[in-house]
């Protein structure tokens, strides 16, 4: 699924963009007039990260930046997949 965090379940939120014209009364104007309302989406800050999951397999997941900042995940080392698999085979034997 696109734009959904695989752990927190964060997904895009929908709202309105409101365009106004005029100066606010508190700033000395005569008030504002709404001239346009359009739909818009707020998308989560998703990053694709290579993670070692609980089974020990390396896979790519889409995770929101908040979870990355918390340090919940064990990131997979770069370019060492073959060494990791060889180590797993050695432990099994």
PDB file of N, CA and C in Angstrom:
ATOM      1  N   UNK A   1       0.829  -1.182   0.000  1.00  0.00           N
ATOM      2  CA  UNK A   1       0.000   0.000   0.000  1.00  0.00           C
ATOM      3  C   UNK A   1       0.876   1.248   0.000  1.00  0.00           C
ATOM      4  N   UNK A   2       0.479   2.220  -0.758  1.00  0.00           N
ATOM      5  CA  UNK A   2       1.278   3.431  -0.854  1.00  0.00           C
ATOM      6  C   UNK A   2       0.947   4.388   0.286  1.00  0.00           C
ATOM      7  N   UNK A   3       1.935   5.117   0.744  1.00  0.00           N
ATOM      8  CA  UNK A   3       1.790   6.168   1.753  1.00  0.00           C
ATOM      9  C   UNK A   3       1.172   5.671   3.053  1.00  0.00           C
ATOM     10  N   UNK A   4       1.531   4.451   3.479  1.00  0.00           N
ATOM     11  CA  UNK A   4       1.068   3.941   4.772  1.00  0.00           C
ATOM     12  C   UNK A   4       2.264   3.366   5.509  1.00  0.00           C
ATOM     13  N   UNK A   5       2.451   3.792   6.755  1.00  0.00           N
ATOM     14  CA  UNK A   5       3.537   3.266   7.583  1.00  0.00           C
ATOM     15  C   UNK A   5       3.188   1.836   7.979  1.00  0.00           C
ATOM     16  N   UNK A   6       4.143   0.913   7.825  1.00  0.00           N
ATOM     17  CA  UNK A   6       3.875  -0.490   8.093  1.00  0.00           C
ATOM     18  C   UNK A   6       3.802  -0.794   9.583  1.00  0.00           C
ATOM     19  N   UNK A   7       4.271   0.096  10.438  1.00  0.00           N
ATOM     20  CA  UNK A   7       4.271  -0.155  11.877  1.00  0.00           C
ATOM     21  C   UNK A   7       3.236   0.678  12.617  1.00  0.00           C
ATOM     22  N   UNK A   8       3.194   1.983  12.374  1.00  0.00           N
ATOM     23  CA  UNK A   8       2.257   2.833  13.099  1.00  0.00           C
ATOM     24  C   UNK A   8       0.907   2.913  12.403  1.00  0.00           C
ATOM     25  N   UNK A   9       0.855   2.609  11.098  1.00  0.00           N
ATOM     26  CA  UNK A   9      -0.399   2.691  10.361  1.00  0.00           C
ATOM     27  C   UNK A   9      -0.753   4.108   9.932  1.00  0.00           C
ATOM     28  N   UNK A  10       0.211   5.032  10.056  1.00  0.00           N
ATOM     29  CA  UNK A  10      -0.050   6.406   9.620  1.00  0.00           C
ATOM     30  C   UNK A  10      -0.375   6.415   8.137  1.00  0.00           C
ATOM     31  N   UNK A  11      -1.358   7.222   7.767  1.00  0.00           N
ATOM     32  CA  UNK A  11      -1.770   7.328   6.378  1.00  0.00           C
ATOM     33  C   UNK A  11      -2.136   8.772   6.081  1.00  0.00           C
ATOM     34  N   UNK A  12      -2.324   9.134   4.823  1.00  0.00           N
ATOM     35  CA  UNK A  12      -2.667  10.522   4.508  1.00  0.00           C
ATOM     36  C   UNK A  12      -3.984  10.954   5.147  1.00  0.00           C
ATOM     37  N   UNK A  13      -4.013  12.216   5.582  1.00  0.00           N
ATOM     38  CA  UNK A  13      -5.232  12.810   6.116  1.00  0.00           C
ATOM     39  C   UNK A  13      -5.753  13.832   5.112  1.00  0.00           C
ATOM     40  N   UNK A  14      -7.068  13.990   5.078  1.00  0.00           N
ATOM     41  CA  UNK A  14      -7.705  14.882   4.121  1.00  0.00           C
ATOM     42  C   UNK A  14      -8.268  16.084   4.863  1.00  0.00           C
ATOM     43  N   UNK A  15      -8.150  17.247   4.243  1.00  0.00           N
ATOM     44  CA  UNK A  15      -8.708  18.457   4.833  1.00  0.00           C
ATOM     45  C   UNK A  15      -8.956  19.493   3.759  1.00  0.00           C
ATOM     46  N   UNK A  16      -9.214  20.710   4.178  1.00  0.00           N
ATOM     47  CA  UNK A  16      -9.498  21.788   3.249  1.00  0.00           C
ATOM     48  C   UNK A  16      -8.412  22.840   3.284  1.00  0.00           C
ATOM     49  N   UNK A  17      -8.095  23.385   2.114  1.00  0.00           N
ATOM     50  CA  UNK A  17      -7.238  24.555   2.002  1.00  0.00           C
ATOM     51  C   UNK A  17      -8.177  25.736   1.792  1.00  0.00           C
ATOM     52  N   UNK A  18      -8.143  26.679   2.717  1.00  0.00           N
ATOM     53  CA  UNK A  18      -9.069  27.813   2.666  1.00  0.00           C
ATOM     54  C   UNK A  18      -8.295  29.065   2.272  1.00  0.00           C
ATOM     55  N   UNK A  19      -8.707  29.691   1.173  1.00  0.00           N
ATOM     56  CA  UNK A  19      -8.079  30.928   0.690  1.00  0.00           C
ATOM     57  C   UNK A  19      -8.944  32.093   1.137  1.00  0.00           C
ATOM     58  N   UNK A  20      -8.304  33.077   1.777  1.00  0.00           N
ATOM     59  CA  UNK A  20      -9.052  34.234   2.287  1.00  0.00           C
ATOM     60  C   UNK A  20      -8.540  35.510   1.652  1.00  0.00           C
ATOM     61  N   UNK A  21      -9.394  36.510   1.628  1.00  0.00           N
ATOM     62  CA  UNK A  21      -9.045  37.804   1.070  1.00  0.00           C
ATOM     63  C   UNK A  21      -9.445  38.875   2.073  1.00  0.00           C
ATOM     64  N   UNK A  22      -8.617  39.874   2.241  1.00  0.00           N
ATOM     65  CA  UNK A  22      -8.930  40.966   3.160  1.00  0.00           C
ATOM     66  C   UNK A  22      -8.048  40.948   4.385  1.00  0.00           C
ATOM     67  N   UNK A  23      -8.193  41.974   5.193  1.00  0.00           N
ATOM     68  CA  UNK A  23      -7.393  42.127   6.397  1.00  0.00           C
ATOM     69  C   UNK A  23      -8.256  41.801   7.610  1.00  0.00           C
ATOM     70  N   UNK A  24      -7.697  41.052   8.555  1.00  0.00           N
ATOM     71  CA  UNK A  24      -8.448  40.646   9.737  1.00  0.00           C
ATOM     72  C   UNK A  24      -8.853  41.855  10.573  1.00  0.00           C
ATOM     73  N   UNK A  25      -9.969  41.732  11.269  1.00  0.00           N
ATOM     74  CA  UNK A  25     -10.469  42.834  12.101  1.00  0.00           C
ATOM     75  C   UNK A  25      -9.487  43.178  13.210  1.00  0.00           C
ATOM     76  N   UNK A  26      -8.856  42.162  13.779  1.00  0.00           N
ATOM     77  CA  UNK A  26      -7.922  42.422  14.878  1.00  0.00           C
ATOM     78  C   UNK A  26      -6.667  43.154  14.412  1.00  0.00           C
ATOM     79  N   UNK A  27      -6.450  43.168  13.094  1.00  0.00           N
ATOM     80  CA  UNK A  27      -5.309  43.898  12.535  1.00  0.00           C
ATOM     81  C   UNK A  27      -5.722  45.247  11.975  1.00  0.00           C
ATOM     82  N   UNK A  28      -6.972  45.644  12.207  1.00  0.00           N
ATOM     83  CA  UNK A  28      -7.424  46.955  11.773  1.00  0.00           C
ATOM     84  C   UNK A  28      -8.198  46.966  10.474  1.00  0.00           C
ATOM     85  N   UNK A  29      -8.518  45.794   9.939  1.00  0.00           N
ATOM     86  CA  UNK A  29      -9.273  45.737   8.697  1.00  0.00           C
ATOM     87  C   UNK A  29     -10.766  45.623   8.948  1.00  0.00           C
ATOM     88  N   UNK A  30     -11.493  45.349   7.881  1.00  0.00           N
ATOM     89  CA  UNK A  30     -12.949  45.221   8.013  1.00  0.00           C
ATOM     90  C   UNK A  30     -13.390  43.754   8.000  1.00  0.00           C
ATOM     91  N   UNK A  31     -12.450  42.837   7.994  1.00  0.00           N
ATOM     92  CA  UNK A  31     -12.774  41.405   8.061  1.00  0.00           C
ATOM     93  C   UNK A  31     -12.328  40.668   6.811  1.00  0.00           C
ATOM     94  N   UNK A  32     -12.265  39.356   6.940  1.00  0.00           N
ATOM     95  CA  UNK A  32     -11.816  38.527   5.831  1.00  0.00           C
ATOM     96  C   UNK A  32     -12.981  37.878   5.115  1.00  0.00           C
ATOM     97  N   UNK A  33     -12.771  37.599   3.836  1.00  0.00           N
ATOM     98  CA  UNK A  33     -13.764  36.939   3.014  1.00  0.00           C
ATOM     99  C   UNK A  33     -13.155  35.661   2.451  1.00  0.00           C
ATOM    100  N   UNK A  34     -13.867  34.548   2.582  1.00  0.00           N
ATOM    101  CA  UNK A  34     -13.393  33.280   2.033  1.00  0.00           C
ATOM    102  C   UNK A  34     -13.679  33.283   0.540  1.00  0.00           C
ATOM    103  N   UNK A  35     -12.610  33.105  -0.266  1.00  0.00           N
ATOM    104  CA  UNK A  35     -12.781  33.145  -1.715  1.00  0.00           C
ATOM    105  C   UNK A  35     -12.640  31.778  -2.368  1.00  0.00           C
ATOM    106  N   UNK A  36     -12.158  30.797  -1.649  1.00  0.00           N
ATOM    107  CA  UNK A  36     -12.021  29.481  -2.263  1.00  0.00           C
ATOM    108  C   UNK A  36     -11.728  28.414  -1.236  1.00  0.00           C
ATOM    109  N   UNK A  37     -12.323  27.231  -1.427  1.00  0.00           N
ATOM    110  CA  UNK A  37     -12.073  26.076  -0.568  1.00  0.00           C
ATOM    111  C   UNK A  37     -11.786  24.900  -1.487  1.00  0.00           C
ATOM    112  N   UNK A  38     -10.611  24.288  -1.321  1.00  0.00           N
ATOM    113  CA  UNK A  38     -10.258  23.116  -2.113  1.00  0.00           C
ATOM    114  C   UNK A  38      -9.762  22.023  -1.186  1.00  0.00           C
ATOM    115  N   UNK A  39      -9.905  20.792  -1.626  1.00  0.00           N
ATOM    116  CA  UNK A  39      -9.434  19.645  -0.856  1.00  0.00           C
ATOM    117  C   UNK A  39      -7.914  19.549  -0.957  1.00  0.00           C
ATOM    118  N   UNK A  40      -7.294  19.047   0.109  1.00  0.00           N
ATOM    119  CA  UNK A  40      -5.863  18.771   0.068  1.00  0.00           C
ATOM    120  C   UNK A  40      -5.559  17.595   0.976  1.00  0.00           C
ATOM    121  N   UNK A  41      -4.339  17.045   0.842  1.00  0.00           N
ATOM    122  CA  UNK A  41      -3.931  15.887   1.635  1.00  0.00           C
ATOM    123  C   UNK A  41      -2.635  16.193   2.375  1.00  0.00           C
ATOM    124  N   UNK A  42      -2.556  15.721   3.616  1.00  0.00           N
ATOM    125  CA  UNK A  42      -1.321  15.770   4.385  1.00  0.00           C
ATOM    126  C   UNK A  42      -0.759  14.358   4.394  1.00  0.00           C
ATOM    127  N   UNK A  43       0.423  14.196   3.780  1.00  0.00           N
ATOM    128  CA  UNK A  43       1.017  12.869   3.674  1.00  0.00           C
ATOM    129  C   UNK A  43       2.027  12.650   4.798  1.00  0.00           C
ATOM    130  N   UNK A  44       2.115  11.426   5.323  1.00  0.00           N
ATOM    131  CA  UNK A  44       3.109  11.143   6.359  1.00  0.00           C
ATOM    132  C   UNK A  44       4.513  11.144   5.767  1.00  0.00           C
ATOM    133  N   UNK A  45       5.496  11.423   6.614  1.00  0.00           N
ATOM    134  CA  UNK A  45       6.894  11.457   6.181  1.00  0.00           C
ATOM    135  C   UNK A  45       7.436  10.031   6.215  1.00  0.00           C
ATOM    136  N   UNK A  46       7.241   9.306   5.117  1.00  0.00           N
ATOM    137  CA  UNK A  46       7.659   7.900   5.055  1.00  0.00           C
ATOM    138  C   UNK A  46       9.037   7.772   4.434  1.00  0.00           C
ATOM    139  N   UNK A  47       9.821   6.876   4.994  1.00  0.00           N
ATOM    140  CA  UNK A  47      11.148   6.565   4.482  1.00  0.00           C
ATOM    141  C   UNK A  47      11.209   5.061   4.236  1.00  0.00           C
ATOM    142  N   UNK A  48      11.862   4.671   3.152  1.00  0.00           N
ATOM    143  CA  UNK A  48      12.073   3.250   2.881  1.00  0.00           C
ATOM    144  C   UNK A  48      13.401   2.836   3.494  1.00  0.00           C
ATOM    145  N   UNK A  49      13.358   1.849   4.382  1.00  0.00           N
ATOM    146  CA  UNK A  49      14.531   1.455   5.149  1.00  0.00           C
ATOM    147  C   UNK A  49      14.697  -0.056   5.060  1.00  0.00           C
ATOM    148  N   UNK A  50      15.954  -0.499   4.985  1.00  0.00           N
ATOM    149  CA  UNK A  50      16.250  -1.925   5.054  1.00  0.00           C
ATOM    150  C   UNK A  50      16.372  -2.299   6.519  1.00  0.00           C
ATOM    151  N   UNK A  51      15.550  -3.273   6.947  1.00  0.00           N
ATOM    152  CA  UNK A  51      15.447  -3.617   8.365  1.00  0.00           C
ATOM    153  C   UNK A  51      15.661  -5.105   8.540  1.00  0.00           C
ATOM    154  N   UNK A  52      16.282  -5.485   9.656  1.00  0.00           N
ATOM    155  CA  UNK A  52      16.345  -6.892  10.036  1.00  0.00           C
ATOM    156  C   UNK A  52      15.160  -7.144  10.960  1.00  0.00           C
ATOM    157  N   UNK A  53      14.226  -8.005  10.526  1.00  0.00           N
ATOM    158  CA  UNK A  53      13.035  -8.243  11.340  1.00  0.00           C
ATOM    159  C   UNK A  53      13.288  -9.342  12.366  1.00  0.00           C
ATOM    160  N   UNK A  54      12.240  -9.734  13.098  1.00  0.00           N
ATOM    161  CA  UNK A  54      12.404 -10.685  14.203  1.00  0.00           C
ATOM    162  C   UNK A  54      12.831 -12.068  13.736  1.00  0.00           C
ATOM    163  N   UNK A  55      12.581 -12.414  12.467  1.00  0.00           N
ATOM    164  CA  UNK A  55      13.020 -13.706  11.920  1.00  0.00           C
ATOM    165  C   UNK A  55      14.465 -13.670  11.447  1.00  0.00           C
ATOM    166  N   UNK A  56      15.068 -12.484  11.431  1.00  0.00           N
ATOM    167  CA  UNK A  56      16.444 -12.358  10.975  1.00  0.00           C
ATOM    168  C   UNK A  56      16.577 -12.106   9.495  1.00  0.00           C
ATOM    169  N   UNK A  57      15.479 -11.901   8.803  1.00  0.00           N
ATOM    170  CA  UNK A  57      15.547 -11.638   7.372  1.00  0.00           C
ATOM    171  C   UNK A  57      15.638 -10.135   7.120  1.00  0.00           C
ATOM    172  N   UNK A  58      16.323  -9.795   6.044  1.00  0.00           N
ATOM    173  CA  UNK A  58      16.463  -8.390   5.664  1.00  0.00           C
ATOM    174  C   UNK A  58      15.367  -8.068   4.670  1.00  0.00           C
ATOM    175  N   UNK A  59      14.609  -7.022   4.955  1.00  0.00           N
ATOM    176  CA  UNK A  59      13.561  -6.616   4.028  1.00  0.00           C
ATOM    177  C   UNK A  59      13.409  -5.105   4.060  1.00  0.00           C
ATOM    178  N   UNK A  60      12.784  -4.578   3.012  1.00  0.00           N
ATOM    179  CA  UNK A  60      12.543  -3.136   2.912  1.00  0.00           C
ATOM    180  C   UNK A  60      11.157  -2.836   3.449  1.00  0.00           C
ATOM    181  N   UNK A  61      11.075  -1.815   4.286  1.00  0.00           N
ATOM    182  CA  UNK A  61       9.791  -1.414   4.839  1.00  0.00           C
ATOM    183  C   UNK A  61       9.646   0.097   4.720  1.00  0.00           C
ATOM    184  N   UNK A  62       8.385   0.552   4.626  1.00  0.00           N
ATOM    185  CA  UNK A  62       8.099   1.987   4.650  1.00  0.00           C
ATOM    186  C   UNK A  62       7.734   2.347   6.081  1.00  0.00           C
ATOM    187  N   UNK A  63       8.526   3.251   6.662  1.00  0.00           N
ATOM    188  CA  UNK A  63       8.361   3.602   8.064  1.00  0.00           C
ATOM    189  C   UNK A  63       8.299   5.112   8.181  1.00  0.00           C
ATOM    190  N   UNK A  64       7.430   5.634   9.069  1.00  0.00           N
ATOM    191  CA  UNK A  64       7.356   7.076   9.275  1.00  0.00           C
ATOM    192  C   UNK A  64       8.594   7.537  10.040  1.00  0.00           C
ATOM    193  N   UNK A  65       8.957   8.784   9.834  1.00  0.00           N
ATOM    194  CA  UNK A  65      10.193   9.333  10.390  1.00  0.00           C
ATOM    195  C   UNK A  65      10.184   9.317  11.911  1.00  0.00           C
ATOM    196  N   UNK A  66       9.026   9.415  12.507  1.00  0.00           N
ATOM    197  CA  UNK A  66       8.940   9.412  13.969  1.00  0.00           C
ATOM    198  C   UNK A  66       9.453   8.095  14.550  1.00  0.00           C
ATOM    199  N   UNK A  67       9.110   6.973  13.909  1.00  0.00           N
ATOM    200  CA  UNK A  67       9.583   5.675  14.387  1.00  0.00           C
ATOM    201  C   UNK A  67      11.076   5.508  14.155  1.00  0.00           C
ATOM    202  N   UNK A  68      11.598   6.086  13.076  1.00  0.00           N
ATOM    203  CA  UNK A  68      13.035   6.020  12.832  1.00  0.00           C
ATOM    204  C   UNK A  68      13.788   6.802  13.888  1.00  0.00           C
ATOM    205  N   UNK A  69      13.247   7.960  14.281  1.00  0.00           N
ATOM    206  CA  UNK A  69      13.897   8.788  15.292  1.00  0.00           C
ATOM    207  C   UNK A  69      13.948   8.085  16.640  1.00  0.00           C
ATOM    208  N   UNK A  70      12.917   7.305  16.949  1.00  0.00           N
ATOM    209  CA  UNK A  70      12.871   6.587  18.218  1.00  0.00           C
ATOM    210  C   UNK A  70      13.929   5.494  18.291  1.00  0.00           C
ATOM    211  N   UNK A  71      14.388   5.026  17.125  1.00  0.00           N
ATOM    212  CA  UNK A  71      15.404   3.973  17.109  1.00  0.00           C
ATOM    213  C   UNK A  71      14.839   2.597  17.403  1.00  0.00           C
ATOM    214  N   UNK A  72      13.613   2.361  17.003  1.00  0.00           N
ATOM    215  CA  UNK A  72      12.949   1.088  17.275  1.00  0.00           C
ATOM    216  C   UNK A  72      13.530  -0.035  16.422  1.00  0.00           C
ATOM    217  N   UNK A  73      14.018   0.299  15.235  1.00  0.00           N
ATOM    218  CA  UNK A  73      14.423  -0.719  14.276  1.00  0.00           C
ATOM    219  C   UNK A  73      15.921  -0.976  14.317  1.00  0.00           C
ATOM    220  N   UNK A  74      16.284  -2.219  13.978  1.00  0.00           N
ATOM    221  CA  UNK A  74      17.687  -2.551  13.766  1.00  0.00           C
ATOM    222  C   UNK A  74      17.916  -2.498  12.265  1.00  0.00           C
ATOM    223  N   UNK A  75      18.630  -1.439  11.820  1.00  0.00           N
ATOM    224  CA  UNK A  75      18.857  -1.284  10.390  1.00  0.00           C
ATOM    225  C   UNK A  75      19.829  -2.353   9.908  1.00  0.00           C
ATOM    226  N   UNK A  76      19.579  -2.850   8.720  1.00  0.00           N
ATOM    227  CA  UNK A  76      20.434  -3.877   8.138  1.00  0.00           C
ATOM    228  C   UNK A  76      21.733  -3.244   7.660  1.00  0.00           C
ATOM    229  N   UNK A  77      22.867  -3.889   7.882  1.00  0.00           N
ATOM    230  CA  UNK A  77      24.126  -3.341   7.378  1.00  0.00           C
ATOM    231  C   UNK A  77      24.160  -3.379   5.862  1.00  0.00           C
ATOM    232  N   UNK A  78      24.798  -2.377   5.273  1.00  0.00           N
ATOM    233  CA  UNK A  78      24.839  -2.281   3.818  1.00  0.00           C
ATOM    234  C   UNK A  78      25.855  -3.245   3.230  1.00  0.00           C
ATOM    235  N   UNK A  79      25.453  -3.943   2.174  1.00  0.00           N
ATOM    236  CA  UNK A  79      26.360  -4.771   1.410  1.00  0.00           C
ATOM    237  C   UNK A  79      26.889  -5.996   2.135  1.00  0.00           C
ATOM    238  N   UNK A  80      26.259  -6.390   3.226  1.00  0.00           N
ATOM    239  CA  UNK A  80      26.757  -7.536   3.980  1.00  0.00           C
ATOM    240  C   UNK A  80      25.732  -8.659   4.069  1.00  0.00           C
ATOM    241  N   UNK A  81      24.826  -8.684   3.108  1.00  0.00           N
ATOM    242  CA  UNK A  81      23.785  -9.711   3.138  1.00  0.00           C
ATOM    243  C   UNK A  81      24.381 -11.116   2.976  1.00  0.00           C
ATOM    244  N   UNK A  82      25.336 -11.256   2.054  1.00  0.00           N
ATOM    245  CA  UNK A  82      25.943 -12.574   1.840  1.00  0.00           C
ATOM    246  C   UNK A  82      26.687 -13.043   3.080  1.00  0.00           C
ATOM    247  N   UNK A  83      27.390 -12.123   3.726  1.00  0.00           N
ATOM    248  CA  UNK A  83      28.101 -12.480   4.950  1.00  0.00           C
ATOM    249  C   UNK A  83      27.122 -12.871   6.050  1.00  0.00           C
ATOM    250  N   UNK A  84      26.029 -12.159   6.115  1.00  0.00           N
ATOM    251  CA  UNK A  84      25.010 -12.469   7.127  1.00  0.00           C
ATOM    252  C   UNK A  84      24.412 -13.848   6.881  1.00  0.00           C
ATOM    253  N   UNK A  85      24.085 -14.151   5.608  1.00  0.00           N
ATOM    254  CA  UNK A  85      23.516 -15.451   5.282  1.00  0.00           C
ATOM    255  C   UNK A  85      24.511 -16.578   5.543  1.00  0.00           C
ATOM    256  N   UNK A  86      25.787 -16.341   5.252  1.00  0.00           N
ATOM    257  CA  UNK A  86      26.819 -17.337   5.526  1.00  0.00           C
ATOM    258  C   UNK A  86      26.948 -17.594   7.035  1.00  0.00           C
ATOM    259  N   UNK A  87      26.825 -16.538   7.809  1.00  0.00           N
ATOM    260  CA  UNK A  87      26.889 -16.675   9.265  1.00  0.00           C
ATOM    261  C   UNK A  87      25.708 -17.484   9.786  1.00  0.00           C
ATOM    262  N   UNK A  88      24.536 -17.270   9.214  1.00  0.00           N
ATOM    263  CA  UNK A  88      23.340 -18.024   9.617  1.00  0.00           C
ATOM    264  C   UNK A  88      23.494 -19.502   9.274  1.00  0.00           C
ATOM    265  N   UNK A  89      24.036 -19.771   8.081  1.00  0.00           N
ATOM    266  CA  UNK A  89      24.261 -21.167   7.683  1.00  0.00           C
ATOM    267  C   UNK A  89      25.262 -21.850   8.609  1.00  0.00           C
ATOM    268  N   UNK A  90      26.299 -21.108   9.010  1.00  0.00           N
ATOM    269  CA  UNK A  90      27.321 -21.677   9.908  1.00  0.00           C
ATOM    270  C   UNK A  90      26.719 -21.995  11.263  1.00  0.00           C
ATOM    271  N   UNK A  91      25.795 -21.181  11.733  1.00  0.00           N
ATOM    272  CA  UNK A  91      25.171 -21.438  13.029  1.00  0.00           C
ATOM    273  C   UNK A  91      24.251 -22.661  12.977  1.00  0.00           C
ATOM    274  N   UNK A  92      23.586 -22.857  11.835  1.00  0.00           N
ATOM    275  CA  UNK A  92      22.697 -23.998  11.694  1.00  0.00           C
ATOM    276  C   UNK A  92      23.476 -25.320  11.643  1.00  0.00           C
ATOM    277  N   UNK A  93      24.641 -25.279  11.013  1.00  0.00           N
ATOM    278  CA  UNK A  93      25.428 -26.510  10.839  1.00  0.00           C
ATOM    279  C   UNK A  93      26.211 -26.894  12.068  1.00  0.00           C
TER     280      UNK A  93
END
